[in-house]
Amino acid sequence: VRKSLEAKGMRFVSSATTLESDVDAGR
């Protein structure tokens, strides 16, 4: 999806990853 959107001109400037356990614990 990212490559497809970049090919259409979208510029990605950041990304983030959260672990489900961290989300569940509010961290």
PDB file of all heavy atoms in Angstrom:
ATOM      1  N   VAL A   1       0.838  -1.197   0.000  1.00  0.00           N
ATOM      2  CA  VAL A   1       0.000   0.000   0.000  1.00  0.00           C
ATOM      3  C   VAL A   1       0.873   1.248   0.000  1.00  0.00           C
ATOM      4  O   VAL A   1       0.621   2.199  -0.747  1.00  0.00           O
ATOM      5  CB  VAL A   1      -0.957  -0.003   1.210  1.00  0.00           C
ATOM      6  CG1 VAL A   1      -1.696   1.319   1.334  1.00  0.00           C
ATOM      7  CG2 VAL A   1      -1.934  -1.157   1.111  1.00  0.00           C
ATOM      8  N   ARG A   2       1.911   1.242   0.828  1.00  0.00           N
ATOM      9  CA  ARG A   2       2.792   2.410   0.900  1.00  0.00           C
ATOM     10  C   ARG A   2       3.442   2.695  -0.452  1.00  0.00           C
ATOM     11  O   ARG A   2       3.452   3.830  -0.921  1.00  0.00           O
ATOM     12  CB  ARG A   2       3.858   2.196   1.965  1.00  0.00           C
ATOM     13  CG  ARG A   2       4.788   3.374   2.080  1.00  0.00           C
ATOM     14  CD  ARG A   2       5.783   3.173   3.187  1.00  0.00           C
ATOM     15  NE  ARG A   2       6.682   4.313   3.248  1.00  0.00           N
ATOM     16  CZ  ARG A   2       7.286   4.732   4.323  1.00  0.00           C
ATOM     17  NH1 ARG A   2       7.131   4.089   5.458  1.00  0.00           N
ATOM     18  NH2 ARG A   2       8.079   5.777   4.284  1.00  0.00           N
ATOM     19  N   LYS A   3       3.982   1.672  -1.098  1.00  0.00           N
ATOM     20  CA  LYS A   3       4.632   1.860  -2.397  1.00  0.00           C
ATOM     21  C   LYS A   3       3.637   2.367  -3.435  1.00  0.00           C
ATOM     22  O   LYS A   3       3.970   3.216  -4.255  1.00  0.00           O
ATOM     23  CB  LYS A   3       5.293   0.562  -2.861  1.00  0.00           C
ATOM     24  CG  LYS A   3       6.546   0.244  -2.093  1.00  0.00           C
ATOM     25  CD  LYS A   3       7.199  -1.022  -2.592  1.00  0.00           C
ATOM     26  CE  LYS A   3       8.447  -1.309  -1.778  1.00  0.00           C
ATOM     27  NZ  LYS A   3       9.162  -2.474  -2.256  1.00  0.00           N
ATOM     28  N   SER A   4       2.425   1.860  -3.376  1.00  0.00           N
ATOM     29  CA  SER A   4       1.402   2.302  -4.319  1.00  0.00           C
ATOM     30  C   SER A   4       1.077   3.780  -4.119  1.00  0.00           C
ATOM     31  O   SER A   4       0.975   4.538  -5.088  1.00  0.00           O
ATOM     32  CB  SER A   4       0.143   1.458  -4.130  1.00  0.00           C
ATOM     33  OG  SER A   4      -0.896   1.919  -4.949  1.00  0.00           O
ATOM     34  N   LEU A   5       0.932   4.191  -2.863  1.00  0.00           N
ATOM     35  CA  LEU A   5       0.624   5.594  -2.575  1.00  0.00           C
ATOM     36  C   LEU A   5       1.800   6.507  -2.900  1.00  0.00           C
ATOM     37  O   LEU A   5       1.611   7.617  -3.410  1.00  0.00           O
ATOM     38  CB  LEU A   5       0.191   5.749  -1.130  1.00  0.00           C
ATOM     39  CG  LEU A   5      -1.146   5.098  -0.780  1.00  0.00           C
ATOM     40  CD1 LEU A   5      -1.386   5.134   0.718  1.00  0.00           C
ATOM     41  CD2 LEU A   5      -2.283   5.753  -1.536  1.00  0.00           C
ATOM     42  N   GLU A   6       3.017   6.055  -2.634  1.00  0.00           N
ATOM     43  CA  GLU A   6       4.198   6.851  -2.981  1.00  0.00           C
ATOM     44  C   GLU A   6       4.292   7.040  -4.492  1.00  0.00           C
ATOM     45  O   GLU A   6       4.662   8.115  -4.963  1.00  0.00           O
ATOM     46  CB  GLU A   6       5.465   6.185  -2.448  1.00  0.00           C
ATOM     47  CG  GLU A   6       5.632   6.326  -0.951  1.00  0.00           C
ATOM     48  CD  GLU A   6       6.817   5.577  -0.393  1.00  0.00           C
ATOM     49  OE1 GLU A   6       7.204   4.536  -0.953  1.00  0.00           O
ATOM     50  OE2 GLU A   6       7.361   6.024   0.617  1.00  0.00           O
ATOM     51  N   ALA A   7       3.919   6.021  -5.249  1.00  0.00           N
ATOM     52  CA  ALA A   7       3.942   6.118  -6.705  1.00  0.00           C
ATOM     53  C   ALA A   7       2.938   7.162  -7.199  1.00  0.00           C
ATOM     54  O   ALA A   7       3.128   7.748  -8.259  1.00  0.00           O
ATOM     55  CB  ALA A   7       3.639   4.756  -7.331  1.00  0.00           C
ATOM     56  N   LYS A   8       1.902   7.407  -6.396  1.00  0.00           N
ATOM     57  CA  LYS A   8       0.888   8.410  -6.747  1.00  0.00           C
ATOM     58  C   LYS A   8       1.234   9.790  -6.187  1.00  0.00           C
ATOM     59  O   LYS A   8       0.458  10.721  -6.314  1.00  0.00           O
ATOM     60  CB  LYS A   8      -0.474   7.968  -6.230  1.00  0.00           C
ATOM     61  CG  LYS A   8      -0.987   6.723  -6.922  1.00  0.00           C
ATOM     62  CD  LYS A   8      -2.313   6.302  -6.363  1.00  0.00           C
ATOM     63  CE  LYS A   8      -2.800   5.047  -7.080  1.00  0.00           C
ATOM     64  NZ  LYS A   8      -4.108   4.613  -6.605  1.00  0.00           N
ATOM     65  N   GLY A   9       2.398   9.897  -5.533  1.00  0.00           N
ATOM     66  CA  GLY A   9       2.845  11.202  -5.059  1.00  0.00           C
ATOM     67  C   GLY A   9       2.738  11.445  -3.563  1.00  0.00           C
ATOM     68  O   GLY A   9       3.118  12.509  -3.086  1.00  0.00           O
ATOM     69  N   MET A  10       2.222  10.498  -2.803  1.00  0.00           N
ATOM     70  CA  MET A  10       2.130  10.704  -1.362  1.00  0.00           C
ATOM     71  C   MET A  10       3.520  10.570  -0.744  1.00  0.00           C
ATOM     72  O   MET A  10       4.289   9.693  -1.108  1.00  0.00           O
ATOM     73  CB  MET A  10       1.181   9.698  -0.718  1.00  0.00           C
ATOM     74  CG  MET A  10       1.037   9.883   0.791  1.00  0.00           C
ATOM     75  SD  MET A  10      -0.202   8.812   1.512  1.00  0.00           S
ATOM     76  CE  MET A  10      -1.649   9.826   1.256  1.00  0.00           C
ATOM     77  N   ARG A  11       3.821  11.475   0.179  1.00  0.00           N
ATOM     78  CA  ARG A  11       5.114  11.448   0.853  1.00  0.00           C
ATOM     79  C   ARG A  11       4.899  11.023   2.298  1.00  0.00           C
ATOM     80  O   ARG A  11       4.140  11.641   3.036  1.00  0.00           O
ATOM     81  CB  ARG A  11       5.762  12.831   0.814  1.00  0.00           C
ATOM     82  CG  ARG A  11       7.132  12.889   1.447  1.00  0.00           C
ATOM     83  CD  ARG A  11       7.771  14.239   1.248  1.00  0.00           C
ATOM     84  NE  ARG A  11       7.057  15.307   1.914  1.00  0.00           N
ATOM     85  CZ  ARG A  11       7.508  15.960   2.980  1.00  0.00           C
ATOM     86  NH1 ARG A  11       8.689  15.689   3.464  1.00  0.00           N
ATOM     87  NH2 ARG A  11       6.790  16.916   3.521  1.00  0.00           N
ATOM     88  N   PHE A  12       5.560   9.955   2.708  1.00  0.00           N
ATOM     89  CA  PHE A  12       5.466   9.485   4.078  1.00  0.00           C
ATOM     90  C   PHE A  12       6.598  10.115   4.879  1.00  0.00           C
ATOM     91  O   PHE A  12       7.754  10.061   4.480  1.00  0.00           O
ATOM     92  CB  PHE A  12       5.549   7.960   4.131  1.00  0.00           C
ATOM     93  CG  PHE A  12       4.293   7.306   3.628  1.00  0.00           C
ATOM     94  CD1 PHE A  12       4.093   7.112   2.276  1.00  0.00           C
ATOM     95  CD2 PHE A  12       3.313   6.909   4.521  1.00  0.00           C
ATOM     96  CE1 PHE A  12       2.930   6.528   1.807  1.00  0.00           C
ATOM     97  CE2 PHE A  12       2.141   6.333   4.060  1.00  0.00           C
ATOM     98  CZ  PHE A  12       1.946   6.134   2.704  1.00  0.00           C
ATOM     99  N   VAL A  13       6.266  10.722   6.003  1.00  0.00           N
ATOM    100  CA  VAL A  13       7.268  11.441   6.786  1.00  0.00           C
ATOM    101  C   VAL A  13       7.547  10.788   8.133  1.00  0.00           C
ATOM    102  O   VAL A  13       8.498  11.168   8.812  1.00  0.00           O
ATOM    103  CB  VAL A  13       6.859  12.909   7.007  1.00  0.00           C
ATOM    104  CG1 VAL A  13       6.787  13.641   5.675  1.00  0.00           C
ATOM    105  CG2 VAL A  13       5.548  13.012   7.768  1.00  0.00           C
ATOM    106  N   SER A  14       6.737   9.820   8.525  1.00  0.00           N
ATOM    107  CA  SER A  14       6.944   9.198   9.823  1.00  0.00           C
ATOM    108  C   SER A  14       6.201   7.876   9.871  1.00  0.00           C
ATOM    109  O   SER A  14       5.327   7.602   9.052  1.00  0.00           O
ATOM    110  CB  SER A  14       6.433  10.111  10.938  1.00  0.00           C
ATOM    111  OG  SER A  14       6.755   9.581  12.199  1.00  0.00           O
ATOM    112  N   SER A  15       6.578   7.064  10.828  1.00  0.00           N
ATOM    113  CA  SER A  15       5.852   5.828  11.087  1.00  0.00           C
ATOM    114  C   SER A  15       6.014   5.480  12.551  1.00  0.00           C
ATOM    115  O   SER A  15       6.929   5.951  13.220  1.00  0.00           O
ATOM    116  CB  SER A  15       6.370   4.692  10.201  1.00  0.00           C
ATOM    117  OG  SER A  15       7.706   4.381  10.542  1.00  0.00           O
ATOM    118  N   ALA A  16       5.115   4.666  13.045  1.00  0.00           N
ATOM    119  CA  ALA A  16       5.168   4.263  14.447  1.00  0.00           C
ATOM    120  C   ALA A  16       4.669   2.838  14.583  1.00  0.00           C
ATOM    121  O   ALA A  16       3.848   2.377  13.792  1.00  0.00           O
ATOM    122  CB  ALA A  16       4.324   5.193  15.308  1.00  0.00           C
ATOM    123  N   THR A  17       5.172   2.175  15.588  1.00  0.00           N
ATOM    124  CA  THR A  17       4.741   0.824  15.901  1.00  0.00           C
ATOM    125  C   THR A  17       4.445   0.755  17.386  1.00  0.00           C
ATOM    126  O   THR A  17       5.241   1.225  18.192  1.00  0.00           O
ATOM    127  CB  THR A  17       5.840  -0.197  15.561  1.00  0.00           C
ATOM    128  OG1 THR A  17       6.164  -0.091  14.185  1.00  0.00           O
ATOM    129  CG2 THR A  17       5.401  -1.612  15.849  1.00  0.00           C
ATOM    130  N   THR A  18       3.303   0.208  17.723  1.00  0.00           N
ATOM    131  CA  THR A  18       2.996  -0.036  19.128  1.00  0.00           C
ATOM    132  C   THR A  18       2.745  -1.519  19.309  1.00  0.00           C
ATOM    133  O   THR A  18       2.232  -2.186  18.411  1.00  0.00           O
ATOM    134  CB  THR A  18       1.745   0.747  19.596  1.00  0.00           C
ATOM    135  OG1 THR A  18       0.643   0.383  18.773  1.00  0.00           O
ATOM    136  CG2 THR A  18       1.955   2.241  19.543  1.00  0.00           C
ATOM    137  N   LEU A  19       3.142  -2.019  20.451  1.00  0.00           N
ATOM    138  CA  LEU A  19       2.873  -3.414  20.781  1.00  0.00           C
ATOM    139  C   LEU A  19       1.515  -3.501  21.454  1.00  0.00           C
ATOM    140  O   LEU A  19       1.157  -2.633  22.258  1.00  0.00           O
ATOM    141  CB  LEU A  19       3.948  -3.960  21.716  1.00  0.00           C
ATOM    142  CG  LEU A  19       5.375  -3.919  21.183  1.00  0.00           C
ATOM    143  CD1 LEU A  19       6.343  -4.423  22.238  1.00  0.00           C
ATOM    144  CD2 LEU A  19       5.487  -4.770  19.926  1.00  0.00           C
ATOM    145  N   GLU A  20       0.773  -4.519  21.122  1.00  0.00           N
ATOM    146  CA  GLU A  20      -0.564  -4.659  21.694  1.00  0.00           C
ATOM    147  C   GLU A  20      -0.513  -4.662  23.219  1.00  0.00           C
ATOM    148  O   GLU A  20      -1.366  -4.059  23.875  1.00  0.00           O
ATOM    149  CB  GLU A  20      -1.214  -5.944  21.184  1.00  0.00           C
ATOM    150  CG  GLU A  20      -2.649  -6.098  21.620  1.00  0.00           C
ATOM    151  CD  GLU A  20      -3.333  -7.312  21.022  1.00  0.00           C
ATOM    152  OE1 GLU A  20      -2.777  -7.943  20.119  1.00  0.00           O
ATOM    153  OE2 GLU A  20      -4.442  -7.613  21.482  1.00  0.00           O
ATOM    154  N   SER A  21       0.499  -5.292  23.781  1.00  0.00           N
ATOM    155  CA  SER A  21       0.603  -5.334  25.243  1.00  0.00           C
ATOM    156  C   SER A  21       0.804  -3.942  25.826  1.00  0.00           C
ATOM    157  O   SER A  21       0.269  -3.632  26.897  1.00  0.00           O
ATOM    158  CB  SER A  21       1.750  -6.255  25.676  1.00  0.00           C
ATOM    159  OG  SER A  21       2.986  -5.788  25.159  1.00  0.00           O
ATOM    160  N   ASP A  22       1.572  -3.090  25.127  1.00  0.00           N
ATOM    161  CA  ASP A  22       1.760  -1.714  25.592  1.00  0.00           C
ATOM    162  C   ASP A  22       0.460  -0.918  25.516  1.00  0.00           C
ATOM    163  O   ASP A  22       0.142  -0.142  26.410  1.00  0.00           O
ATOM    164  CB  ASP A  22       2.842  -1.003  24.786  1.00  0.00           C
ATOM    165  CG  ASP A  22       4.230  -1.515  25.094  1.00  0.00           C
ATOM    166  OD1 ASP A  22       4.427  -2.053  26.206  1.00  0.00           O
ATOM    167  OD2 ASP A  22       5.113  -1.375  24.238  1.00  0.00           O
ATOM    168  N   VAL A  23      -0.279  -1.099  24.440  1.00  0.00           N
ATOM    169  CA  VAL A  23      -1.562  -0.408  24.293  1.00  0.00           C
ATOM    170  C   VAL A  23      -2.518  -0.874  25.380  1.00  0.00           C
ATOM    171  O   VAL A  23      -3.174  -0.067  26.043  1.00  0.00           O
ATOM    172  CB  VAL A  23      -2.168  -0.636  22.888  1.00  0.00           C
ATOM    173  CG1 VAL A  23      -3.574  -0.056  22.805  1.00  0.00           C
ATOM    174  CG2 VAL A  23      -1.272  -0.035  21.818  1.00  0.00           C
ATOM    175  N   ASP A  24      -2.584  -2.181  25.592  1.00  0.00           N
ATOM    176  CA  ASP A  24      -3.474  -2.724  26.618  1.00  0.00           C
ATOM    177  C   ASP A  24      -3.120  -2.183  28.001  1.00  0.00           C
ATOM    178  O   ASP A  24      -4.001  -1.946  28.831  1.00  0.00           O
ATOM    179  CB  ASP A  24      -3.420  -4.256  26.646  1.00  0.00           C
ATOM    180  CG  ASP A  24      -4.076  -4.880  25.427  1.00  0.00           C
ATOM    181  OD1 ASP A  24      -4.821  -4.180  24.718  1.00  0.00           O
ATOM    182  OD2 ASP A  24      -3.833  -6.082  25.187  1.00  0.00           O
ATOM    183  N   ALA A  25      -1.830  -1.968  28.259  1.00  0.00           N
ATOM    184  CA  ALA A  25      -1.377  -1.477  29.560  1.00  0.00           C
ATOM    185  C   ALA A  25      -1.370   0.049  29.625  1.00  0.00           C
ATOM    186  O   ALA A  25      -1.039   0.621  30.663  1.00  0.00           O
ATOM    187  CB  ALA A  25       0.022  -2.017  29.854  1.00  0.00           C
ATOM    188  N   GLY A  26      -1.712   0.730  28.515  1.00  0.00           N
ATOM    189  CA  GLY A  26      -1.732   2.185  28.504  1.00  0.00           C
ATOM    190  C   GLY A  26      -0.347   2.812  28.433  1.00  0.00           C
ATOM    191  O   GLY A  26      -0.156   3.952  28.828  1.00  0.00           O
ATOM    192  N   ARG A  27       0.633   2.074  27.889  1.00  0.00           N
ATOM    193  CA  ARG A  27       2.008   2.583  27.817  1.00  0.00           C
ATOM    194  C   ARG A  27       2.392   2.956  26.384  1.00  0.00           C
ATOM    195  O   ARG A  27       3.465   2.606  25.921  1.00  0.00           O
ATOM    196  CB  ARG A  27       2.987   1.521  28.326  1.00  0.00           C
ATOM    197  CG  ARG A  27       2.849   1.172  29.776  1.00  0.00           C
ATOM    198  CD  ARG A  27       3.942   0.206  30.200  1.00  0.00           C
ATOM    199  NE  ARG A  27       3.979  -0.979  29.362  1.00  0.00           N
ATOM    200  CZ  ARG A  27       3.541  -2.188  29.728  1.00  0.00           C
ATOM    201  NH1 ARG A  27       3.052  -2.370  30.919  1.00  0.00           N
ATOM    202  NH2 ARG A  27       3.616  -3.202  28.901  1.00  0.00           N
TER     203      ARG A  27
END
